[in-house]
N, C-alpha and C. Protein backbone atom coordinates (compact mmCIF):
# COMPACT_ATOMS: atom_id res chain seq x y z
N UNK A 1 6.94 21.00 -24.48
CA UNK A 1 5.72 20.22 -24.37
C UNK A 1 5.32 20.11 -22.89
N UNK A 2 4.07 20.35 -22.60
CA UNK A 2 3.59 20.30 -21.22
C UNK A 2 3.47 18.85 -20.76
N UNK A 3 4.04 18.56 -19.56
CA UNK A 3 3.93 17.21 -19.02
C UNK A 3 2.53 17.02 -18.45
N UNK A 4 1.93 15.88 -18.75
CA UNK A 4 0.60 15.63 -18.22
C UNK A 4 0.69 14.88 -16.89
N UNK A 5 -0.30 15.11 -16.06
CA UNK A 5 -0.37 14.42 -14.78
C UNK A 5 -0.75 12.95 -14.99
N UNK A 6 -0.21 12.09 -14.13
CA UNK A 6 -0.67 10.71 -14.06
C UNK A 6 -2.00 10.73 -13.33
N UNK A 7 -3.03 10.16 -13.95
CA UNK A 7 -4.35 10.13 -13.31
C UNK A 7 -4.49 8.83 -12.52
N UNK A 8 -4.83 8.99 -11.25
CA UNK A 8 -4.94 7.84 -10.34
C UNK A 8 -6.38 7.57 -9.96
N UNK A 9 -6.71 6.29 -9.90
CA UNK A 9 -8.01 5.85 -9.40
C UNK A 9 -7.80 5.14 -8.08
N UNK A 10 -8.51 5.60 -7.06
CA UNK A 10 -8.38 5.02 -5.71
C UNK A 10 -9.46 3.96 -5.53
N UNK A 11 -9.05 2.75 -5.22
CA UNK A 11 -9.98 1.64 -5.02
C UNK A 11 -10.06 1.37 -3.52
N UNK A 12 -11.20 1.72 -2.94
CA UNK A 12 -11.39 1.65 -1.50
C UNK A 12 -11.18 3.05 -0.93
N UNK A 13 -12.27 3.74 -0.59
CA UNK A 13 -12.16 5.14 -0.20
C UNK A 13 -12.43 5.35 1.29
N UNK A 14 -11.83 4.47 2.10
CA UNK A 14 -11.92 4.64 3.55
C UNK A 14 -10.75 5.45 4.07
N UNK A 15 -10.24 5.07 5.23
CA UNK A 15 -9.16 5.82 5.88
C UNK A 15 -7.93 5.96 4.98
N UNK A 16 -7.41 4.84 4.45
CA UNK A 16 -6.20 4.91 3.62
C UNK A 16 -6.49 5.50 2.24
N UNK A 17 -7.68 5.31 1.71
CA UNK A 17 -8.04 5.95 0.45
C UNK A 17 -7.95 7.47 0.58
N UNK A 18 -8.46 7.98 1.70
CA UNK A 18 -8.37 9.42 1.96
C UNK A 18 -6.93 9.86 2.22
N UNK A 19 -6.16 9.00 2.88
CA UNK A 19 -4.74 9.29 3.10
C UNK A 19 -4.05 9.51 1.75
N UNK A 20 -4.27 8.60 0.81
CA UNK A 20 -3.62 8.72 -0.50
C UNK A 20 -4.14 9.94 -1.27
N UNK A 21 -5.44 10.21 -1.17
CA UNK A 21 -5.99 11.40 -1.81
C UNK A 21 -5.26 12.65 -1.33
N UNK A 22 -5.11 12.78 -0.02
CA UNK A 22 -4.46 13.97 0.55
C UNK A 22 -2.99 14.06 0.17
N UNK A 23 -2.31 12.93 0.08
CA UNK A 23 -0.91 12.95 -0.34
C UNK A 23 -0.79 13.38 -1.80
N UNK A 24 -1.69 12.88 -2.64
CA UNK A 24 -1.65 13.22 -4.06
C UNK A 24 -1.85 14.71 -4.28
N UNK A 25 -2.63 15.34 -3.43
CA UNK A 25 -2.88 16.78 -3.57
C UNK A 25 -1.59 17.58 -3.45
N UNK A 26 -0.59 17.03 -2.77
CA UNK A 26 0.65 17.79 -2.54
C UNK A 26 1.82 17.29 -3.40
N UNK A 27 1.55 16.35 -4.30
CA UNK A 27 2.63 15.80 -5.13
C UNK A 27 2.43 16.22 -6.58
N UNK A 28 3.45 16.86 -7.12
CA UNK A 28 3.40 17.31 -8.51
C UNK A 28 3.48 16.10 -9.45
N UNK A 29 2.68 16.13 -10.50
CA UNK A 29 2.75 15.09 -11.52
C UNK A 29 1.73 13.99 -11.38
N UNK A 30 0.95 14.02 -10.29
CA UNK A 30 -0.09 13.00 -10.11
C UNK A 30 -1.40 13.68 -9.75
N UNK A 31 -2.47 13.13 -10.26
CA UNK A 31 -3.79 13.71 -10.01
C UNK A 31 -4.73 12.63 -9.50
N UNK A 32 -5.32 12.86 -8.33
CA UNK A 32 -6.38 11.98 -7.84
C UNK A 32 -7.59 12.27 -8.72
N UNK A 33 -7.96 11.29 -9.52
CA UNK A 33 -8.95 11.50 -10.59
C UNK A 33 -10.28 10.81 -10.30
N UNK A 34 -10.21 9.62 -9.69
CA UNK A 34 -11.42 8.82 -9.53
C UNK A 34 -11.34 7.95 -8.29
N UNK A 35 -12.50 7.43 -7.89
CA UNK A 35 -12.55 6.52 -6.75
C UNK A 35 -13.66 5.50 -6.95
N UNK A 36 -13.43 4.33 -6.35
CA UNK A 36 -14.47 3.30 -6.32
C UNK A 36 -14.49 2.69 -4.93
N UNK A 37 -15.69 2.44 -4.42
CA UNK A 37 -15.86 1.76 -3.14
C UNK A 37 -17.20 1.03 -3.19
N UNK A 38 -17.31 -0.04 -2.42
CA UNK A 38 -18.58 -0.78 -2.38
C UNK A 38 -19.61 -0.08 -1.50
N UNK A 39 -19.17 0.88 -0.68
CA UNK A 39 -20.04 1.61 0.23
C UNK A 39 -20.52 2.91 -0.44
N UNK A 40 -21.85 3.05 -0.66
CA UNK A 40 -22.37 4.26 -1.31
C UNK A 40 -22.00 5.55 -0.57
N UNK A 41 -21.91 5.50 0.75
CA UNK A 41 -21.53 6.71 1.50
C UNK A 41 -20.10 7.14 1.19
N UNK A 42 -19.23 6.16 0.99
CA UNK A 42 -17.84 6.48 0.63
C UNK A 42 -17.77 7.10 -0.77
N UNK A 43 -18.65 6.65 -1.66
CA UNK A 43 -18.71 7.25 -2.99
C UNK A 43 -19.19 8.70 -2.91
N UNK A 44 -20.13 8.96 -1.99
CA UNK A 44 -20.56 10.34 -1.77
C UNK A 44 -19.39 11.20 -1.29
N UNK A 45 -18.59 10.63 -0.37
CA UNK A 45 -17.40 11.34 0.12
C UNK A 45 -16.44 11.64 -1.03
N UNK A 46 -16.29 10.69 -1.93
CA UNK A 46 -15.38 10.87 -3.07
C UNK A 46 -15.89 11.97 -4.00
N UNK A 47 -17.19 11.96 -4.25
CA UNK A 47 -17.76 13.01 -5.11
C UNK A 47 -17.60 14.39 -4.47
N UNK A 48 -17.69 14.45 -3.15
CA UNK A 48 -17.49 15.72 -2.45
C UNK A 48 -16.06 16.23 -2.63
N UNK A 49 -15.14 15.33 -2.95
CA UNK A 49 -13.74 15.70 -3.22
C UNK A 49 -13.50 15.92 -4.72
N UNK A 50 -14.59 16.00 -5.47
CA UNK A 50 -14.54 16.21 -6.93
C UNK A 50 -13.88 15.06 -7.68
N UNK A 51 -14.03 13.85 -7.16
CA UNK A 51 -13.52 12.67 -7.84
C UNK A 51 -14.64 12.04 -8.67
N UNK A 52 -14.28 11.52 -9.81
CA UNK A 52 -15.20 10.73 -10.62
C UNK A 52 -15.43 9.41 -9.89
N UNK A 53 -16.67 8.94 -9.84
CA UNK A 53 -16.95 7.67 -9.15
C UNK A 53 -17.59 6.68 -10.11
N UNK A 54 -17.52 5.40 -9.72
CA UNK A 54 -18.01 4.32 -10.56
C UNK A 54 -18.89 3.37 -9.76
N UNK A 55 -19.76 2.65 -10.46
CA UNK A 55 -20.68 1.71 -9.82
C UNK A 55 -20.07 0.33 -9.63
N UNK A 56 -18.95 0.07 -10.31
CA UNK A 56 -18.29 -1.22 -10.16
C UNK A 56 -16.79 -1.06 -10.40
N UNK A 57 -16.03 -2.00 -9.89
CA UNK A 57 -14.59 -2.00 -10.12
C UNK A 57 -14.30 -2.14 -11.61
N UNK A 58 -15.04 -3.01 -12.28
CA UNK A 58 -14.83 -3.25 -13.70
C UNK A 58 -15.04 -1.97 -14.51
N UNK A 59 -16.08 -1.21 -14.15
CA UNK A 59 -16.35 0.05 -14.84
C UNK A 59 -15.18 1.02 -14.65
N UNK A 60 -14.65 1.07 -13.46
CA UNK A 60 -13.52 1.95 -13.20
C UNK A 60 -12.29 1.54 -14.01
N UNK A 61 -12.01 0.25 -14.05
CA UNK A 61 -10.82 -0.24 -14.75
C UNK A 61 -10.93 -0.08 -16.26
N UNK A 62 -12.15 0.10 -16.78
CA UNK A 62 -12.34 0.34 -18.21
C UNK A 62 -12.00 1.77 -18.61
N UNK A 63 -11.90 2.68 -17.62
CA UNK A 63 -11.62 4.09 -17.92
C UNK A 63 -10.17 4.21 -18.39
N UNK A 64 -9.99 4.57 -19.64
CA UNK A 64 -8.65 4.65 -20.25
C UNK A 64 -7.82 5.80 -19.69
N UNK A 65 -8.46 6.80 -19.08
CA UNK A 65 -7.71 7.93 -18.52
C UNK A 65 -6.94 7.55 -17.26
N UNK A 66 -7.40 6.52 -16.57
CA UNK A 66 -6.75 6.10 -15.33
C UNK A 66 -5.51 5.27 -15.68
N UNK A 67 -4.36 5.74 -15.24
CA UNK A 67 -3.09 5.03 -15.49
C UNK A 67 -2.61 4.26 -14.26
N UNK A 68 -3.00 4.73 -13.08
CA UNK A 68 -2.52 4.16 -11.82
C UNK A 68 -3.70 3.78 -10.94
N UNK A 69 -3.73 2.52 -10.51
CA UNK A 69 -4.74 2.07 -9.55
C UNK A 69 -4.08 2.02 -8.18
N UNK A 70 -4.71 2.68 -7.21
CA UNK A 70 -4.22 2.71 -5.83
C UNK A 70 -5.17 1.87 -5.00
N UNK A 71 -4.70 0.70 -4.54
CA UNK A 71 -5.56 -0.27 -3.86
C UNK A 71 -5.51 -0.05 -2.35
N UNK A 72 -6.68 0.30 -1.78
CA UNK A 72 -6.80 0.60 -0.35
C UNK A 72 -7.95 -0.19 0.27
N UNK A 73 -8.09 -1.42 -0.13
CA UNK A 73 -9.18 -2.29 0.31
C UNK A 73 -8.71 -3.20 1.44
N UNK A 74 -9.61 -3.98 2.04
CA UNK A 74 -9.15 -5.01 2.98
C UNK A 74 -8.13 -5.93 2.31
N UNK A 75 -7.21 -6.44 3.12
CA UNK A 75 -6.04 -7.19 2.63
C UNK A 75 -6.37 -8.43 1.82
N UNK A 76 -7.47 -9.10 2.17
CA UNK A 76 -7.77 -10.39 1.53
C UNK A 76 -8.15 -10.28 0.06
N UNK A 77 -8.45 -9.07 -0.42
CA UNK A 77 -8.81 -8.92 -1.84
C UNK A 77 -7.74 -8.18 -2.65
N UNK A 78 -6.62 -7.82 -2.02
CA UNK A 78 -5.56 -7.10 -2.73
C UNK A 78 -5.11 -7.83 -4.00
N UNK A 79 -4.81 -9.10 -3.88
CA UNK A 79 -4.25 -9.84 -5.02
C UNK A 79 -5.20 -9.87 -6.20
N UNK A 80 -6.47 -10.20 -5.96
CA UNK A 80 -7.43 -10.29 -7.06
C UNK A 80 -7.63 -8.94 -7.74
N UNK A 81 -7.72 -7.87 -6.94
CA UNK A 81 -7.90 -6.53 -7.51
C UNK A 81 -6.65 -6.12 -8.29
N UNK A 82 -5.48 -6.41 -7.73
CA UNK A 82 -4.23 -6.06 -8.42
C UNK A 82 -4.15 -6.73 -9.78
N UNK A 83 -4.48 -8.00 -9.84
CA UNK A 83 -4.44 -8.73 -11.12
C UNK A 83 -5.41 -8.10 -12.12
N UNK A 84 -6.63 -7.79 -11.67
CA UNK A 84 -7.61 -7.16 -12.58
C UNK A 84 -7.10 -5.82 -13.09
N UNK A 85 -6.50 -5.03 -12.20
CA UNK A 85 -5.99 -3.70 -12.60
C UNK A 85 -4.83 -3.83 -13.57
N UNK A 86 -3.92 -4.75 -13.30
CA UNK A 86 -2.77 -4.96 -14.19
C UNK A 86 -3.24 -5.45 -15.56
N UNK A 87 -4.19 -6.36 -15.57
CA UNK A 87 -4.72 -6.87 -16.84
C UNK A 87 -5.46 -5.78 -17.62
N UNK A 88 -5.96 -4.77 -16.89
CA UNK A 88 -6.63 -3.64 -17.54
C UNK A 88 -5.63 -2.58 -18.00
N UNK A 89 -4.33 -2.86 -17.81
CA UNK A 89 -3.29 -1.95 -18.28
C UNK A 89 -2.92 -0.86 -17.32
N UNK A 90 -3.31 -0.99 -16.05
CA UNK A 90 -2.98 0.03 -15.06
C UNK A 90 -1.69 -0.35 -14.32
N UNK A 91 -0.91 0.66 -13.94
CA UNK A 91 0.14 0.45 -12.96
C UNK A 91 -0.57 0.36 -11.61
N UNK A 92 0.07 -0.28 -10.61
CA UNK A 92 -0.61 -0.51 -9.33
C UNK A 92 0.28 -0.14 -8.15
N UNK A 93 -0.30 0.67 -7.26
CA UNK A 93 0.27 0.93 -5.94
C UNK A 93 -0.70 0.30 -4.96
N UNK A 94 -0.22 -0.67 -4.19
CA UNK A 94 -1.10 -1.44 -3.30
C UNK A 94 -0.71 -1.21 -1.85
N UNK A 95 -1.72 -1.05 -1.02
CA UNK A 95 -1.47 -0.96 0.42
C UNK A 95 -0.88 -2.28 0.90
N UNK A 96 -0.19 -2.21 2.01
CA UNK A 96 0.41 -3.41 2.59
C UNK A 96 -0.60 -4.10 3.50
N UNK A 97 -0.46 -5.41 3.70
CA UNK A 97 0.39 -6.31 2.96
C UNK A 97 -0.17 -6.50 1.56
N UNK A 98 0.69 -6.46 0.57
CA UNK A 98 0.24 -6.55 -0.82
C UNK A 98 -0.56 -7.81 -1.06
N UNK A 99 -0.11 -8.91 -0.49
CA UNK A 99 -0.84 -10.18 -0.59
C UNK A 99 -0.71 -10.91 0.74
N UNK A 100 -1.50 -11.96 0.89
CA UNK A 100 -1.47 -12.72 2.14
C UNK A 100 -0.63 -13.98 2.03
N UNK A 101 -0.26 -14.36 0.80
CA UNK A 101 0.56 -15.56 0.61
C UNK A 101 1.61 -15.30 -0.46
N UNK A 102 2.64 -16.11 -0.44
CA UNK A 102 3.68 -16.03 -1.47
C UNK A 102 3.09 -16.37 -2.84
N UNK A 103 2.21 -17.36 -2.89
CA UNK A 103 1.59 -17.76 -4.16
C UNK A 103 0.81 -16.60 -4.77
N UNK A 104 0.07 -15.85 -3.95
CA UNK A 104 -0.65 -14.69 -4.45
C UNK A 104 0.32 -13.64 -5.01
N UNK A 105 1.42 -13.41 -4.29
CA UNK A 105 2.39 -12.42 -4.75
C UNK A 105 3.02 -12.84 -6.07
N UNK A 106 3.34 -14.12 -6.20
CA UNK A 106 3.92 -14.61 -7.45
C UNK A 106 2.94 -14.41 -8.61
N UNK A 107 1.65 -14.62 -8.34
CA UNK A 107 0.63 -14.42 -9.38
C UNK A 107 0.56 -12.95 -9.79
N UNK A 108 0.59 -12.04 -8.82
CA UNK A 108 0.54 -10.60 -9.10
C UNK A 108 1.77 -10.17 -9.89
N UNK A 109 2.96 -10.58 -9.44
CA UNK A 109 4.20 -10.17 -10.12
C UNK A 109 4.28 -10.73 -11.53
N UNK A 110 3.82 -11.95 -11.72
CA UNK A 110 3.79 -12.56 -13.05
C UNK A 110 2.86 -11.76 -13.97
N UNK A 111 1.72 -11.34 -13.44
CA UNK A 111 0.76 -10.55 -14.22
C UNK A 111 1.35 -9.18 -14.58
N UNK A 112 2.06 -8.55 -13.63
CA UNK A 112 2.69 -7.26 -13.89
C UNK A 112 3.72 -7.39 -15.01
N UNK A 113 4.52 -8.45 -14.94
CA UNK A 113 5.55 -8.67 -15.96
C UNK A 113 4.92 -8.93 -17.32
N UNK A 114 3.90 -9.77 -17.34
CA UNK A 114 3.22 -10.13 -18.60
C UNK A 114 2.61 -8.90 -19.27
N UNK A 115 2.10 -7.96 -18.46
CA UNK A 115 1.43 -6.78 -18.99
C UNK A 115 2.34 -5.55 -19.04
N UNK A 116 3.63 -5.73 -18.70
CA UNK A 116 4.60 -4.64 -18.74
C UNK A 116 4.11 -3.44 -17.92
N UNK A 117 3.62 -3.73 -16.70
CA UNK A 117 3.13 -2.70 -15.80
C UNK A 117 3.95 -2.74 -14.51
N UNK A 118 3.96 -1.62 -13.79
CA UNK A 118 4.66 -1.54 -12.50
C UNK A 118 3.69 -1.91 -11.39
N UNK A 119 4.13 -2.79 -10.49
CA UNK A 119 3.40 -3.11 -9.27
C UNK A 119 4.30 -2.78 -8.10
N UNK A 120 3.80 -2.01 -7.14
CA UNK A 120 4.59 -1.70 -5.95
C UNK A 120 3.68 -1.63 -4.73
N UNK A 121 4.32 -1.69 -3.57
CA UNK A 121 3.59 -1.66 -2.30
C UNK A 121 3.88 -0.37 -1.57
N UNK A 122 2.87 0.16 -0.92
CA UNK A 122 3.02 1.39 -0.15
C UNK A 122 3.63 1.06 1.22
N UNK A 123 4.89 1.43 1.40
CA UNK A 123 5.60 1.19 2.67
C UNK A 123 6.11 2.52 3.21
N UNK A 124 5.17 3.35 3.67
CA UNK A 124 5.47 4.71 4.09
C UNK A 124 6.31 4.81 5.36
N UNK A 125 6.43 3.74 6.12
CA UNK A 125 7.18 3.81 7.38
C UNK A 125 8.70 3.82 7.14
N UNK A 126 9.11 3.74 5.88
CA UNK A 126 10.54 3.89 5.56
C UNK A 126 11.01 5.33 5.77
N UNK A 127 10.07 6.25 5.93
CA UNK A 127 10.42 7.66 6.11
C UNK A 127 10.16 8.15 7.53
N UNK A 128 9.81 7.25 8.46
CA UNK A 128 9.59 7.65 9.85
C UNK A 128 10.90 8.14 10.48
N UNK A 129 10.81 9.23 11.22
CA UNK A 129 12.01 9.85 11.81
C UNK A 129 12.75 8.91 12.76
N UNK A 130 12.01 8.16 13.58
CA UNK A 130 12.68 7.27 14.54
C UNK A 130 13.46 6.17 13.81
N UNK A 131 12.83 5.57 12.81
CA UNK A 131 13.49 4.52 12.03
C UNK A 131 14.73 5.07 11.31
N UNK A 132 14.58 6.22 10.67
CA UNK A 132 15.71 6.80 9.92
C UNK A 132 16.87 7.17 10.85
N UNK A 133 16.55 7.58 12.07
CA UNK A 133 17.59 7.89 13.05
C UNK A 133 18.35 6.63 13.43
N UNK A 134 17.62 5.56 13.73
CA UNK A 134 18.26 4.29 14.09
C UNK A 134 19.12 3.79 12.93
N UNK A 135 18.58 3.85 11.71
CA UNK A 135 19.33 3.39 10.52
C UNK A 135 20.64 4.16 10.37
N UNK A 136 20.59 5.48 10.55
CA UNK A 136 21.79 6.31 10.40
C UNK A 136 22.81 6.01 11.50
N UNK A 137 22.35 5.88 12.72
CA UNK A 137 23.25 5.58 13.85
C UNK A 137 23.95 4.24 13.62
N UNK A 138 23.22 3.25 13.12
CA UNK A 138 23.81 1.94 12.86
C UNK A 138 24.78 1.99 11.68
N UNK A 139 24.44 2.73 10.65
CA UNK A 139 25.34 2.86 9.49
C UNK A 139 26.62 3.61 9.86
N UNK A 140 26.48 4.65 10.69
CA UNK A 140 27.65 5.45 11.11
C UNK A 140 28.51 4.74 12.15
N UNK A 141 27.93 3.69 12.77
CA UNK A 141 28.58 2.97 13.87
C UNK A 141 28.95 3.92 15.01
N UNK A 142 28.11 4.95 15.17
CA UNK A 142 28.41 5.95 16.21
C UNK A 142 28.20 5.43 17.62
N UNK A 143 27.55 4.28 17.77
CA UNK A 143 27.42 3.67 19.11
C UNK A 143 28.06 2.28 19.13
N UNK A 144 28.88 2.00 18.12
CA UNK A 144 29.54 0.69 18.06
C UNK A 144 28.71 -0.33 17.31
N UNK A 145 29.08 -1.61 17.48
CA UNK A 145 28.37 -2.70 16.81
C UNK A 145 27.22 -3.18 17.70
N UNK A 146 25.99 -3.12 17.21
CA UNK A 146 24.88 -3.59 18.04
C UNK A 146 24.87 -5.12 18.16
N UNK A 147 24.37 -5.59 19.27
CA UNK A 147 24.18 -7.04 19.43
C UNK A 147 22.71 -7.40 19.29
N UNK A 148 21.82 -6.44 19.56
CA UNK A 148 20.38 -6.70 19.51
C UNK A 148 19.65 -5.44 19.07
N UNK A 149 18.64 -5.63 18.25
CA UNK A 149 17.76 -4.52 17.87
C UNK A 149 16.33 -4.98 18.13
N UNK A 150 15.63 -4.24 18.96
CA UNK A 150 14.23 -4.55 19.25
C UNK A 150 13.38 -3.44 18.66
N UNK A 151 12.41 -3.83 17.84
CA UNK A 151 11.50 -2.87 17.22
C UNK A 151 10.08 -3.31 17.55
N UNK A 152 9.30 -2.40 18.09
CA UNK A 152 7.94 -2.79 18.47
C UNK A 152 6.99 -1.62 18.33
N UNK A 153 5.72 -1.96 18.25
CA UNK A 153 4.67 -0.94 18.15
C UNK A 153 3.42 -1.51 18.82
N UNK A 154 2.58 -0.62 19.30
CA UNK A 154 1.40 -1.07 20.03
C UNK A 154 0.10 -0.67 19.36
N UNK A 155 0.17 -0.32 18.07
CA UNK A 155 -1.04 0.02 17.33
C UNK A 155 -1.22 1.52 17.22
N UNK A 156 -2.19 1.90 16.42
CA UNK A 156 -2.50 3.29 16.17
C UNK A 156 -4.00 3.46 16.26
N UNK A 157 -4.46 4.49 16.94
CA UNK A 157 -5.91 4.73 17.11
C UNK A 157 -6.60 3.49 17.66
N UNK A 158 -5.99 2.83 18.63
CA UNK A 158 -6.52 1.57 19.14
C UNK A 158 -5.88 0.42 18.39
N UNK A 159 -5.87 -0.73 18.97
CA UNK A 159 -5.20 -1.87 18.35
C UNK A 159 -6.11 -2.50 17.31
N UNK A 160 -5.69 -2.47 16.06
CA UNK A 160 -6.38 -3.15 14.96
C UNK A 160 -7.89 -2.93 14.95
N UNK A 161 -8.28 -1.73 14.59
CA UNK A 161 -9.70 -1.37 14.56
C UNK A 161 -10.35 -1.87 13.26
N UNK A 162 -11.67 -2.02 13.29
CA UNK A 162 -12.44 -2.39 12.09
C UNK A 162 -11.98 -3.70 11.48
N UNK A 163 -12.01 -3.77 10.15
CA UNK A 163 -11.63 -5.01 9.46
C UNK A 163 -10.16 -5.35 9.69
N UNK A 164 -9.34 -4.37 10.11
CA UNK A 164 -7.92 -4.64 10.35
C UNK A 164 -7.71 -5.64 11.50
N UNK A 165 -8.73 -5.84 12.30
CA UNK A 165 -8.63 -6.83 13.37
C UNK A 165 -9.27 -8.16 13.02
N UNK A 166 -9.81 -8.28 11.82
CA UNK A 166 -10.54 -9.48 11.40
C UNK A 166 -9.61 -10.41 10.63
N UNK A 167 -9.27 -11.57 11.21
CA UNK A 167 -8.36 -12.51 10.53
C UNK A 167 -8.86 -12.93 9.14
N UNK A 168 -10.18 -13.02 8.94
CA UNK A 168 -10.71 -13.43 7.64
C UNK A 168 -10.45 -12.37 6.56
N UNK A 169 -10.23 -11.13 6.98
CA UNK A 169 -9.92 -10.05 6.04
C UNK A 169 -8.41 -9.83 5.93
N UNK A 170 -7.64 -10.71 6.55
CA UNK A 170 -6.19 -10.53 6.55
C UNK A 170 -5.75 -9.50 7.57
N UNK A 171 -6.52 -9.40 8.65
CA UNK A 171 -6.21 -8.43 9.70
C UNK A 171 -5.36 -9.03 10.81
N UNK A 172 -5.08 -8.20 11.80
CA UNK A 172 -4.24 -8.60 12.93
C UNK A 172 -2.97 -7.77 12.96
N UNK A 173 -2.33 -7.71 14.13
CA UNK A 173 -1.17 -6.84 14.31
C UNK A 173 0.00 -7.18 13.39
N UNK A 174 0.21 -8.46 13.10
CA UNK A 174 1.34 -8.82 12.25
C UNK A 174 1.19 -8.23 10.85
N UNK A 175 0.01 -8.36 10.27
CA UNK A 175 -0.22 -7.80 8.93
C UNK A 175 -0.38 -6.29 8.96
N UNK A 176 -0.99 -5.75 10.02
CA UNK A 176 -1.27 -4.32 10.06
C UNK A 176 -0.01 -3.50 10.34
N UNK A 177 0.75 -3.86 11.36
CA UNK A 177 1.95 -3.11 11.73
C UNK A 177 3.23 -3.91 11.58
N UNK A 178 3.14 -5.22 11.77
CA UNK A 178 4.34 -6.06 11.69
C UNK A 178 5.03 -5.94 10.34
N UNK A 179 4.24 -5.78 9.28
CA UNK A 179 4.80 -5.59 7.93
C UNK A 179 5.82 -4.47 7.94
N UNK A 180 5.47 -3.34 8.58
CA UNK A 180 6.37 -2.18 8.61
C UNK A 180 7.66 -2.48 9.37
N UNK A 181 7.51 -3.17 10.50
CA UNK A 181 8.70 -3.47 11.31
C UNK A 181 9.63 -4.44 10.58
N UNK A 182 9.05 -5.44 9.94
CA UNK A 182 9.86 -6.40 9.17
C UNK A 182 10.57 -5.67 8.02
N UNK A 183 9.83 -4.81 7.32
CA UNK A 183 10.42 -4.05 6.22
C UNK A 183 11.58 -3.17 6.72
N UNK A 184 11.38 -2.50 7.84
CA UNK A 184 12.43 -1.64 8.38
C UNK A 184 13.68 -2.44 8.75
N UNK A 185 13.49 -3.57 9.37
CA UNK A 185 14.65 -4.40 9.76
C UNK A 185 15.40 -4.89 8.53
N UNK A 186 14.66 -5.31 7.50
CA UNK A 186 15.31 -5.76 6.27
C UNK A 186 16.06 -4.61 5.59
N UNK A 187 15.55 -3.38 5.71
CA UNK A 187 16.23 -2.21 5.13
C UNK A 187 17.47 -1.84 5.94
N UNK A 188 17.43 -2.05 7.25
CA UNK A 188 18.58 -1.73 8.11
C UNK A 188 19.71 -2.73 7.87
N UNK A 189 19.35 -3.98 7.67
CA UNK A 189 20.35 -5.04 7.50
C UNK A 189 20.19 -5.70 6.13
N UNK A 190 20.46 -4.97 5.04
CA UNK A 190 20.19 -5.51 3.70
C UNK A 190 21.05 -6.71 3.32
N UNK A 191 22.21 -6.88 3.95
CA UNK A 191 23.10 -8.00 3.59
C UNK A 191 22.80 -9.26 4.40
N UNK A 192 21.94 -9.14 5.40
CA UNK A 192 21.65 -10.27 6.28
C UNK A 192 20.53 -11.13 5.70
N UNK A 193 20.59 -12.42 5.97
CA UNK A 193 19.51 -13.32 5.57
C UNK A 193 18.66 -13.66 6.79
N UNK A 194 17.36 -13.74 6.59
CA UNK A 194 16.44 -14.12 7.65
C UNK A 194 16.65 -15.62 7.93
N UNK A 195 16.88 -15.97 9.19
CA UNK A 195 17.11 -17.38 9.53
C UNK A 195 15.95 -17.97 10.32
N UNK A 196 15.03 -17.14 10.79
CA UNK A 196 13.89 -17.68 11.52
C UNK A 196 12.84 -16.61 11.74
N UNK A 197 11.59 -17.04 11.77
CA UNK A 197 10.48 -16.14 12.02
C UNK A 197 9.50 -16.85 12.95
N UNK A 198 9.00 -16.13 13.96
CA UNK A 198 7.90 -16.70 14.73
C UNK A 198 6.98 -15.56 15.15
N UNK A 199 5.72 -15.89 15.39
CA UNK A 199 4.74 -14.87 15.79
C UNK A 199 3.72 -15.53 16.71
C-alpha cells in the first residue's frame, strides 16, 4: 500500500512560512499543500508556489485534507490559532515561542489532549553545529567539569526586525532568540533544575 503524504497548511506566509515551505520540499512524507495569510501579497506569493490559498483562517481549517497546521504568525496570536487548529482536528507545529504565558500553554496542551492531536514547537536550534559541539564536549567531559557556561547571540539580519521587535506582538530578543538559548541550556543539563531567571 502506498503511503500518503501528510498535507500541511502554513498559517502566516512571511519569512518563517517560506522557511517551512522550503524545508518541506526536501522532507519525504510531508507536502506543503496550502497557505493562509492576512496579507494579500503573501497569498500571491503562496499561489506562485502552487499552494492552495484561503480567504480566512476558518476556511483553511475546514479543509479536511489538511492534517498539519504550521503556525508562523506573530507570537501574540499563536495560542488562539493553535486552539482553533486543534479543535478543527489538525496536528500543530508552532513557531517559538509557542505561547507568551504559562496559562496560554496550559490551554493549548489541554486542547491537544482533549482532541487527541499532537502539538509541538519548532526548535530548530537544537541542530546547530556550535551547540551540538558544546553538548558533546560536555557529555564526553573532554575538557573536565565546567564551572560556567555562557551562551549569547546578537540577533540575525539586524536585531529584532519587523514585528519581532514589537513588545505588543510578543517581540524582543528574549522571545526571538532567548527561547533558543534557554532550550539549548535545558537540553545540555537535563537533570538540573532552574533556580533563577532574570532578563
